[in-house]
Amino acid sequence: TSGRCIGSALVEESSSGWRTDRDGHMKHILFLCVANSARSQMAEGLARKILGGQAEVSSAGSEPASVNPHAIEAMAKIGIDITSQSSKSVDTIDLSNLDLVVTLCAEEVCPVLPGHARLLHWPIADPAAEDPATEDHGVEDAAAQNAVEDPAERLARFHLARDLIQEKIEALAEGL
């Protein structure tokens, strides 16, 4: 590793480009999407499991909603409990401590954060979004949407999103 000064702080860079302070404090990674209810929650749980003590992990959203029960179920199927996680507003996050921000938005507009953290964008489709196959049924509200849509198909979308996120976090872990 080599060191350089940024402002008044000595920052060390590993060969992967990750920043640690001279005391070797862990990195802080923020997973960010709009609702902080599915993708970013699953990413937070997966990163805690995969990265362990290599990083401090959190998630947030620009319009937080409650954690999606399908996300909880998809994670439980691989032995990760995210029931204690809660949706948080990006406004509550201390941006000055972030080393990496990973946005998980695909079709929707991702929140943009000021600051100098490294940014990664993983465009993963929102598994909680309405199934396009049900649009022909004239379904207007979410409760009716869920009644028309096959629950197995909906859960399969959560499994797919979870698996894509897991692959990306495992690749990220190799660079830590």
Protein backbone atom coordinates (compact mmCIF):
# COMPACT_ATOMS: atom_id res chain seq x y z
CA THR A 1 0.00 0.00 0.00
CA SER A 2 1.05 3.61 -0.47
CA GLY A 3 -0.02 6.76 1.35
CA ARG A 4 -0.98 10.25 0.24
CA CYS A 5 -2.52 13.29 1.87
CA ILE A 6 -6.08 14.31 1.12
CA GLY A 7 -6.88 17.49 2.95
CA SER A 8 -5.33 16.99 6.36
CA ALA A 9 -5.79 13.20 6.47
CA LEU A 10 -3.28 10.60 5.44
CA VAL A 11 -5.07 8.08 3.30
CA GLU A 12 -3.61 4.74 2.29
CA GLU A 13 -4.46 3.11 -0.97
CA SER A 14 -4.36 -0.61 -1.50
CA SER A 15 -3.70 -2.10 -4.91
CA SER A 16 -7.48 -2.27 -5.40
CA GLY A 17 -7.83 1.50 -4.93
CA TRP A 18 -9.81 1.19 -1.70
CA ARG A 19 -9.16 3.82 0.90
CA THR A 20 -8.33 3.18 4.53
CA ASP A 21 -6.98 5.61 7.06
CA ARG A 22 -3.60 5.06 8.64
CA ASP A 23 -5.22 3.11 11.48
CA GLY A 24 -6.72 0.64 9.02
CA HIS A 25 -10.35 1.53 9.73
CA MET A 26 -12.81 -0.40 7.63
CA LYS A 27 -14.46 1.01 4.54
CA HIS A 28 -18.05 2.26 4.59
CA ILE A 29 -20.27 1.08 1.73
CA LEU A 30 -23.75 2.47 1.09
CA PHE A 31 -26.24 0.62 -1.12
CA LEU A 32 -28.71 3.09 -2.53
CA CYS A 33 -32.01 2.87 -4.41
CA VAL A 34 -35.30 4.71 -4.32
CA ALA A 35 -37.45 2.86 -1.76
CA ASN A 36 -34.76 1.06 0.26
CA SER A 37 -37.22 -1.82 0.49
CA ALA A 38 -35.84 -4.66 -1.66
CA ARG A 39 -32.61 -4.45 -3.70
CA SER A 40 -30.63 -2.23 -1.34
CA GLN A 41 -31.91 -4.16 1.70
CA MET A 42 -30.85 -7.47 0.14
CA ALA A 43 -27.50 -5.92 -0.82
CA GLU A 44 -26.96 -4.75 2.76
CA GLY A 45 -27.68 -8.23 4.14
CA LEU A 46 -25.54 -9.96 1.52
CA ALA A 47 -22.62 -7.56 1.99
CA ARG A 48 -22.68 -8.01 5.77
CA LYS A 49 -22.49 -11.79 5.24
CA ILE A 50 -19.93 -11.80 2.41
CA LEU A 51 -17.67 -8.95 3.54
CA GLY A 52 -17.85 -9.61 7.26
CA GLY A 53 -15.48 -7.25 9.03
CA GLN A 54 -13.96 -5.90 5.81
CA ALA A 55 -16.51 -3.09 5.55
CA GLU A 56 -19.20 -1.19 7.37
CA VAL A 57 -22.35 -1.63 5.32
CA SER A 58 -25.60 0.35 5.18
CA SER A 59 -28.44 1.02 2.79
CA ALA A 60 -30.80 3.92 2.17
CA GLY A 61 -33.28 5.34 -0.29
CA SER A 62 -34.52 8.69 -1.51
CA GLU A 63 -38.15 7.70 -0.81
CA PRO A 64 -37.90 4.96 1.84
CA ALA A 65 -40.73 2.48 2.28
CA SER A 66 -40.99 -0.55 4.56
CA VAL A 67 -38.77 -3.56 3.90
CA ASN A 68 -40.51 -5.78 1.37
CA PRO A 69 -41.58 -9.14 2.86
CA HIS A 70 -40.57 -10.89 -0.38
CA ALA A 71 -37.02 -9.56 0.09
CA ILE A 72 -37.01 -10.95 3.63
CA GLU A 73 -38.25 -14.31 2.32
CA ALA A 74 -35.72 -14.45 -0.53
CA MET A 75 -32.87 -13.76 1.89
CA ALA A 76 -34.13 -16.29 4.43
CA LYS A 77 -33.98 -18.97 1.72
CA ILE A 78 -30.19 -18.56 1.68
CA GLY A 79 -29.84 -18.29 5.45
CA ILE A 80 -29.58 -14.50 5.81
CA ASP A 81 -31.95 -12.78 8.22
CA ILE A 82 -32.72 -9.15 7.33
CA THR A 83 -35.76 -8.82 9.59
CA SER A 84 -33.89 -6.41 11.88
CA GLN A 85 -33.04 -4.07 9.00
CA SER A 86 -35.21 -1.04 8.37
CA SER A 87 -35.67 1.36 5.49
CA LYS A 88 -33.74 4.58 5.93
CA SER A 89 -33.75 7.92 4.17
CA VAL A 90 -30.54 8.93 2.46
CA ASP A 91 -30.97 12.22 4.33
CA THR A 92 -30.03 10.40 7.56
CA ILE A 93 -26.69 9.11 6.21
CA ASP A 94 -23.42 10.85 7.05
CA LEU A 95 -22.04 11.26 3.53
CA SER A 96 -18.60 12.34 4.74
CA ASN A 97 -17.81 8.82 5.99
CA LEU A 98 -18.66 6.98 2.76
CA ASP A 99 -15.97 5.27 0.72
CA LEU A 100 -18.26 3.61 -1.82
CA VAL A 101 -21.83 4.23 -2.96
CA VAL A 102 -23.50 1.49 -5.03
CA THR A 103 -26.70 2.49 -6.79
CA LEU A 104 -29.05 -0.37 -7.67
CA CYS A 105 -31.68 1.43 -9.78
CA ALA A 106 -32.59 0.20 -13.24
CA GLU A 107 -35.64 1.85 -14.79
CA GLU A 108 -36.21 4.44 -12.07
CA VAL A 109 -34.06 7.52 -11.43
CA CYS A 110 -31.42 6.82 -8.80
CA PRO A 111 -30.70 9.34 -6.07
CA VAL A 112 -27.53 11.36 -6.62
CA LEU A 113 -25.26 12.10 -3.69
CA PRO A 114 -22.74 14.91 -3.40
CA GLY A 115 -19.31 14.05 -2.14
CA HIS A 116 -16.17 12.24 -3.15
CA ALA A 117 -17.05 8.61 -2.49
CA ARG A 118 -16.35 6.10 -5.23
CA LEU A 119 -19.53 5.40 -7.20
CA LEU A 120 -20.67 2.13 -8.77
CA HIS A 121 -23.94 1.61 -10.62
CA TRP A 122 -25.48 -1.86 -10.74
CA PRO A 123 -28.69 -1.56 -12.81
CA ILE A 124 -30.81 -4.35 -11.35
CA ALA A 125 -34.52 -4.46 -12.16
CA ASP A 126 -36.79 -3.76 -9.20
CA PRO A 127 -38.29 -7.13 -8.23
CA ALA A 128 -41.13 -5.31 -6.45
CA ALA A 129 -42.19 -3.47 -9.62
CA GLU A 130 -45.45 -4.46 -11.22
CA ASP A 131 -45.22 -7.45 -13.51
CA PRO A 132 -45.64 -6.22 -17.11
CA ALA A 133 -47.54 -9.44 -17.92
CA THR A 134 -50.45 -8.29 -15.74
CA GLU A 135 -50.85 -4.89 -17.42
CA ASP A 136 -53.35 -6.31 -19.94
CA HIS A 137 -55.68 -7.17 -17.07
CA GLY A 138 -56.37 -3.50 -16.34
CA VAL A 139 -55.09 -3.86 -12.75
CA GLU A 140 -55.01 -0.47 -11.02
CA ASP A 141 -54.01 -0.95 -7.38
CA ALA A 142 -51.26 -2.97 -5.70
CA ALA A 143 -53.59 -5.34 -3.85
CA ALA A 144 -55.37 -6.27 -7.07
CA GLN A 145 -51.99 -6.54 -8.81
CA ASN A 146 -50.82 -9.10 -6.27
CA ALA A 147 -54.05 -11.07 -6.64
CA VAL A 148 -53.59 -11.37 -10.43
CA GLU A 149 -49.86 -12.06 -10.45
CA ASP A 150 -48.53 -15.55 -9.76
CA PRO A 151 -46.83 -15.40 -6.32
CA ALA A 152 -44.16 -17.86 -7.48
CA GLU A 153 -43.23 -15.57 -10.38
CA ARG A 154 -42.99 -12.57 -8.06
CA LEU A 155 -40.74 -14.47 -5.64
CA ALA A 156 -38.64 -15.69 -8.58
CA ARG A 157 -37.95 -12.03 -9.48
CA PHE A 158 -36.69 -11.44 -5.92
CA HIS A 159 -34.48 -14.53 -6.14
CA LEU A 160 -33.03 -13.33 -9.45
CA ALA A 161 -32.30 -9.85 -8.07
CA ARG A 162 -30.75 -11.37 -4.93
CA ASP A 163 -28.53 -13.69 -6.98
CA LEU A 164 -27.34 -10.87 -9.27
CA ILE A 165 -26.52 -8.69 -6.27
CA GLN A 166 -24.70 -11.58 -4.59
CA GLU A 167 -22.51 -12.15 -7.68
CA LYS A 168 -21.58 -8.47 -7.79
CA ILE A 169 -20.76 -8.29 -4.07
CA GLU A 170 -18.62 -11.42 -4.32
CA ALA A 171 -16.68 -9.81 -7.19
CA LEU A 172 -16.38 -6.60 -5.18
CA ALA A 173 -15.05 -8.57 -2.19
CA GLU A 174 -12.18 -9.88 -4.29
CA GLY A 175 -10.95 -6.29 -4.67
CA LEU A 176 -11.04 -5.44 -0.98
